[in-house]
């Protein structure tokens, strides 16, 4: 009777441990070190949003005009402000077409704008792919554009 009881307990123990092993295949068990690595990666991802803002304003040589850049898509606007109530204030597109084909993979900070010696001309750089574009702002709508530099 004792032997039968011991065998029954041993078989139940094997069944429980076998069941526990199949459950462990579906779950990921992290060591404390790995858990810290994942927490650190999440922290870095959150901080990159602060380091790379989605929109940036760039000064021009004209004190009343700035260029607004969507750093994730490369879209650009000319922003004009005034010093008194009757001044013209506006935000107009230089080129509001996204340069990114896959909208699911937007990354703030991908595009940067660099001034040139020409008051109206900037260079737009795709920091991931290395593509460059000439950006022209102007009070005349026909003279505003973004074109690739090949």
C-alpha atoms as a PDB file:
ATOM      1  CA  UNK A   1       0.000   0.000   0.000  1.00  0.00           C
ATOM      2  CA  UNK A   2       2.874   2.371   0.845  1.00  0.00           C
ATOM      3  CA  UNK A   3       4.549   1.529  -2.437  1.00  0.00           C
ATOM      4  CA  UNK A   4       1.357   2.216  -4.353  1.00  0.00           C
ATOM      5  CA  UNK A   5       0.984   5.569  -2.618  1.00  0.00           C
ATOM      6  CA  UNK A   6       4.617   6.518  -3.330  1.00  0.00           C
ATOM      7  CA  UNK A   7       4.258   5.529  -7.002  1.00  0.00           C
ATOM      8  CA  UNK A   8       1.024   7.546  -7.306  1.00  0.00           C
ATOM      9  CA  UNK A   9       2.657  10.636  -5.760  1.00  0.00           C
ATOM     10  CA  UNK A  10       5.713  10.240  -8.010  1.00  0.00           C
ATOM     11  CA  UNK A  11       3.512   9.948 -11.124  1.00  0.00           C
ATOM     12  CA  UNK A  12       1.548  13.059 -10.137  1.00  0.00           C
ATOM     13  CA  UNK A  13       4.803  14.936  -9.626  1.00  0.00           C
ATOM     14  CA  UNK A  14       6.043  13.912 -13.084  1.00  0.00           C
ATOM     15  CA  UNK A  15       2.732  14.964 -14.629  1.00  0.00           C
ATOM     16  CA  UNK A  16       2.842  18.368 -12.941  1.00  0.00           C
ATOM     17  CA  UNK A  17       6.457  19.009 -13.947  1.00  0.00           C
ATOM     18  CA  UNK A  18       5.755  17.914 -17.542  1.00  0.00           C
ATOM     19  CA  UNK A  19       2.782  20.269 -17.651  1.00  0.00           C
ATOM     20  CA  UNK A  20       4.891  23.100 -16.234  1.00  0.00           C
ATOM     21  CA  UNK A  21       7.524  22.530 -18.919  1.00  0.00           C
ATOM     22  CA  UNK A  22       5.023  22.875 -21.752  1.00  0.00           C
ATOM     23  CA  UNK A  23       3.736  26.135 -20.271  1.00  0.00           C
ATOM     24  CA  UNK A  24       7.257  27.571 -20.061  1.00  0.00           C
ATOM     25  CA  UNK A  25       7.679  27.194 -23.828  1.00  0.00           C
ATOM     26  CA  UNK A  26       5.020  29.864 -24.387  1.00  0.00           C
ATOM     27  CA  UNK A  27       6.303  32.319 -21.803  1.00  0.00           C
ATOM     28  CA  UNK A  28       9.555  34.267 -21.785  1.00  0.00           C
ATOM     29  CA  UNK A  29      11.431  34.244 -18.503  1.00  0.00           C
ATOM     30  CA  UNK A  30      13.855  37.140 -18.184  1.00  0.00           C
ATOM     31  CA  UNK A  31      16.800  37.321 -15.872  1.00  0.00           C
ATOM     32  CA  UNK A  32      17.005  40.485 -13.776  1.00  0.00           C
ATOM     33  CA  UNK A  33      19.824  41.715 -16.099  1.00  0.00           C
ATOM     34  CA  UNK A  34      17.712  41.172 -19.251  1.00  0.00           C
ATOM     35  CA  UNK A  35      14.743  42.873 -17.632  1.00  0.00           C
ATOM     36  CA  UNK A  36      16.894  45.943 -16.906  1.00  0.00           C
ATOM     37  CA  UNK A  37      18.117  45.973 -20.516  1.00  0.00           C
ATOM     38  CA  UNK A  38      14.528  46.008 -21.812  1.00  0.00           C
ATOM     39  CA  UNK A  39      13.577  48.760 -19.346  1.00  0.00           C
ATOM     40  CA  UNK A  40      16.609  50.798 -20.452  1.00  0.00           C
ATOM     41  CA  UNK A  41      15.668  50.350 -24.147  1.00  0.00           C
ATOM     42  CA  UNK A  42      12.124  51.572 -23.413  1.00  0.00           C
ATOM     43  CA  UNK A  43      13.551  54.566 -21.553  1.00  0.00           C
ATOM     44  CA  UNK A  44      15.856  55.456 -24.479  1.00  0.00           C
ATOM     45  CA  UNK A  45      12.932  55.200 -26.931  1.00  0.00           C
ATOM     46  CA  UNK A  46      10.866  57.558 -24.769  1.00  0.00           C
ATOM     47  CA  UNK A  47      13.752  60.022 -24.414  1.00  0.00           C
ATOM     48  CA  UNK A  48      14.421  60.101 -28.176  1.00  0.00           C
ATOM     49  CA  UNK A  49      11.019  61.724 -28.621  1.00  0.00           C
ATOM     50  CA  UNK A  50      12.281  64.604 -26.467  1.00  0.00           C
ATOM     51  CA  UNK A  51      15.662  64.776 -28.196  1.00  0.00           C
ATOM     52  CA  UNK A  52      14.111  64.849 -31.677  1.00  0.00           C
ATOM     53  CA  UNK A  53      11.000  67.016 -31.779  1.00  0.00           C
ATOM     54  CA  UNK A  54       8.550  66.342 -34.592  1.00  0.00           C
ATOM     55  CA  UNK A  55       8.412  70.014 -35.673  1.00  0.00           C
ATOM     56  CA  UNK A  56      11.175  72.631 -35.664  1.00  0.00           C
ATOM     57  CA  UNK A  57      11.365  76.307 -36.611  1.00  0.00           C
ATOM     58  CA  UNK A  58      14.381  77.661 -38.485  1.00  0.00           C
ATOM     59  CA  UNK A  59      15.362  81.339 -38.695  1.00  0.00           C
ATOM     60  CA  UNK A  60      15.791  83.058 -42.021  1.00  0.00           C
ATOM     61  CA  UNK A  61      17.694  86.289 -42.640  1.00  0.00           C
ATOM     62  CA  UNK A  62      14.309  88.021 -42.805  1.00  0.00           C
ATOM     63  CA  UNK A  63      13.280  88.851 -39.237  1.00  0.00           C
ATOM     64  CA  UNK A  64       9.568  88.247 -39.936  1.00  0.00           C
ATOM     65  CA  UNK A  65       9.869  84.846 -41.655  1.00  0.00           C
ATOM     66  CA  UNK A  66      10.751  81.412 -40.353  1.00  0.00           C
ATOM     67  CA  UNK A  67      10.614  77.941 -41.877  1.00  0.00           C
ATOM     68  CA  UNK A  68       8.691  75.209 -40.076  1.00  0.00           C
ATOM     69  CA  UNK A  69       9.926  71.655 -40.740  1.00  0.00           C
ATOM     70  CA  UNK A  70       8.182  68.370 -40.001  1.00  0.00           C
ATOM     71  CA  UNK A  71      11.328  66.415 -39.082  1.00  0.00           C
ATOM     72  CA  UNK A  72       9.605  63.073 -39.650  1.00  0.00           C
ATOM     73  CA  UNK A  73       8.234  63.665 -43.174  1.00  0.00           C
ATOM     74  CA  UNK A  74      10.251  66.545 -44.663  1.00  0.00           C
ATOM     75  CA  UNK A  75       7.164  68.758 -45.144  1.00  0.00           C
ATOM     76  CA  UNK A  76       7.896  72.515 -44.985  1.00  0.00           C
ATOM     77  CA  UNK A  77       5.945  75.724 -44.330  1.00  0.00           C
ATOM     78  CA  UNK A  78       6.850  79.380 -44.362  1.00  0.00           C
ATOM     79  CA  UNK A  79       5.711  81.126 -41.185  1.00  0.00           C
ATOM     80  CA  UNK A  80       5.401  84.917 -41.199  1.00  0.00           C
ATOM     81  CA  UNK A  81       4.613  87.018 -38.150  1.00  0.00           C
ATOM     82  CA  UNK A  82       4.185  90.747 -37.573  1.00  0.00           C
ATOM     83  CA  UNK A  83       4.985  93.273 -34.889  1.00  0.00           C
ATOM     84  CA  UNK A  84       1.631  95.090 -34.813  1.00  0.00           C
ATOM     85  CA  UNK A  85      -2.064  94.257 -35.142  1.00  0.00           C
ATOM     86  CA  UNK A  86      -2.343  95.178 -38.819  1.00  0.00           C
ATOM     87  CA  UNK A  87       0.708  93.124 -39.909  1.00  0.00           C
ATOM     88  CA  UNK A  88       0.270  90.118 -42.195  1.00  0.00           C
ATOM     89  CA  UNK A  89       0.527  86.819 -40.352  1.00  0.00           C
ATOM     90  CA  UNK A  90       0.480  83.591 -42.308  1.00  0.00           C
ATOM     91  CA  UNK A  91       1.620  80.037 -42.575  1.00  0.00           C
ATOM     92  CA  UNK A  92       1.884  78.784 -46.149  1.00  0.00           C
ATOM     93  CA  UNK A  93       3.199  75.529 -47.521  1.00  0.00           C
ATOM     94  CA  UNK A  94       6.548  75.510 -49.237  1.00  0.00           C
ATOM     95  CA  UNK A  95       5.928  71.835 -49.956  1.00  0.00           C
ATOM     96  CA  UNK A  96       3.539  69.864 -47.755  1.00  0.00           C
ATOM     97  CA  UNK A  97       4.013  66.541 -49.570  1.00  0.00           C
ATOM     98  CA  UNK A  98       5.553  63.859 -47.351  1.00  0.00           C
ATOM     99  CA  UNK A  99       8.897  62.444 -48.490  1.00  0.00           C
ATOM    100  CA  UNK A 100       8.260  59.252 -46.497  1.00  0.00           C
ATOM    101  CA  UNK A 101       6.404  56.492 -48.351  1.00  0.00           C
ATOM    102  CA  UNK A 102       5.785  54.252 -45.344  1.00  0.00           C
ATOM    103  CA  UNK A 103       3.809  56.358 -42.851  1.00  0.00           C
ATOM    104  CA  UNK A 104       4.074  53.552 -40.259  1.00  0.00           C
ATOM    105  CA  UNK A 105       7.820  54.115 -39.924  1.00  0.00           C
ATOM    106  CA  UNK A 106       7.882  57.834 -39.193  1.00  0.00           C
ATOM    107  CA  UNK A 107      10.817  58.918 -37.061  1.00  0.00           C
ATOM    108  CA  UNK A 108      11.123  62.421 -35.654  1.00  0.00           C
ATOM    109  CA  UNK A 109      14.531  63.900 -36.386  1.00  0.00           C
ATOM    110  CA  UNK A 110      14.954  62.199 -39.764  1.00  0.00           C
ATOM    111  CA  UNK A 111      15.079  65.506 -41.696  1.00  0.00           C
ATOM    112  CA  UNK A 112      17.273  68.506 -40.899  1.00  0.00           C
ATOM    113  CA  UNK A 113      17.416  71.925 -42.544  1.00  0.00           C
ATOM    114  CA  UNK A 114      20.657  73.816 -43.211  1.00  0.00           C
ATOM    115  CA  UNK A 115      20.959  77.469 -44.242  1.00  0.00           C
ATOM    116  CA  UNK A 116      23.061  78.573 -47.217  1.00  0.00           C
ATOM    117  CA  UNK A 117      24.630  81.955 -48.016  1.00  0.00           C
ATOM    118  CA  UNK A 118      21.523  82.761 -50.067  1.00  0.00           C
ATOM    119  CA  UNK A 119      18.815  84.366 -47.888  1.00  0.00           C
ATOM    120  CA  UNK A 120      16.009  82.387 -49.555  1.00  0.00           C
ATOM    121  CA  UNK A 121      17.694  78.991 -49.949  1.00  0.00           C
ATOM    122  CA  UNK A 122      18.140  76.120 -47.490  1.00  0.00           C
ATOM    123  CA  UNK A 123      19.326  72.531 -47.917  1.00  0.00           C
ATOM    124  CA  UNK A 124      17.078  69.760 -46.557  1.00  0.00           C
ATOM    125  CA  UNK A 125      18.945  66.585 -45.576  1.00  0.00           C
ATOM    126  CA  UNK A 126      17.452  63.124 -45.113  1.00  0.00           C
ATOM    127  CA  UNK A 127      19.701  61.892 -42.296  1.00  0.00           C
ATOM    128  CA  UNK A 128      18.719  58.235 -42.870  1.00  0.00           C
ATOM    129  CA  UNK A 129      19.188  57.947 -46.637  1.00  0.00           C
ATOM    130  CA  UNK A 130      21.477  60.900 -47.382  1.00  0.00           C
ATOM    131  CA  UNK A 131      19.136  62.498 -49.927  1.00  0.00           C
ATOM    132  CA  UNK A 132      19.374  66.273 -50.260  1.00  0.00           C
ATOM    133  CA  UNK A 133      16.841  68.847 -51.442  1.00  0.00           C
ATOM    134  CA  UNK A 134      17.005  72.526 -52.262  1.00  0.00           C
ATOM    135  CA  UNK A 135      14.350  74.462 -50.342  1.00  0.00           C
ATOM    136  CA  UNK A 136      13.378  77.939 -51.472  1.00  0.00           C
ATOM    137  CA  UNK A 137      11.105  80.229 -49.446  1.00  0.00           C
ATOM    138  CA  UNK A 138       9.767  83.524 -50.726  1.00  0.00           C
ATOM    139  CA  UNK A 139       6.924  85.985 -50.267  1.00  0.00           C
ATOM    140  CA  UNK A 140       6.033  85.268 -53.922  1.00  0.00           C
ATOM    141  CA  UNK A 141       4.137  81.902 -53.984  1.00  0.00           C
ATOM    142  CA  UNK A 142       5.575  81.008 -57.404  1.00  0.00           C
ATOM    143  CA  UNK A 143       9.096  81.104 -55.986  1.00  0.00           C
ATOM    144  CA  UNK A 144       8.541  78.628 -53.107  1.00  0.00           C
ATOM    145  CA  UNK A 145       9.665  75.032 -53.694  1.00  0.00           C
ATOM    146  CA  UNK A 146      11.497  71.907 -52.552  1.00  0.00           C
ATOM    147  CA  UNK A 147      13.376  70.019 -55.280  1.00  0.00           C
ATOM    148  CA  UNK A 148      15.811  67.092 -55.068  1.00  0.00           C
ATOM    149  CA  UNK A 149      19.510  67.617 -55.629  1.00  0.00           C
ATOM    150  CA  UNK A 150      20.905  64.685 -57.628  1.00  0.00           C
END
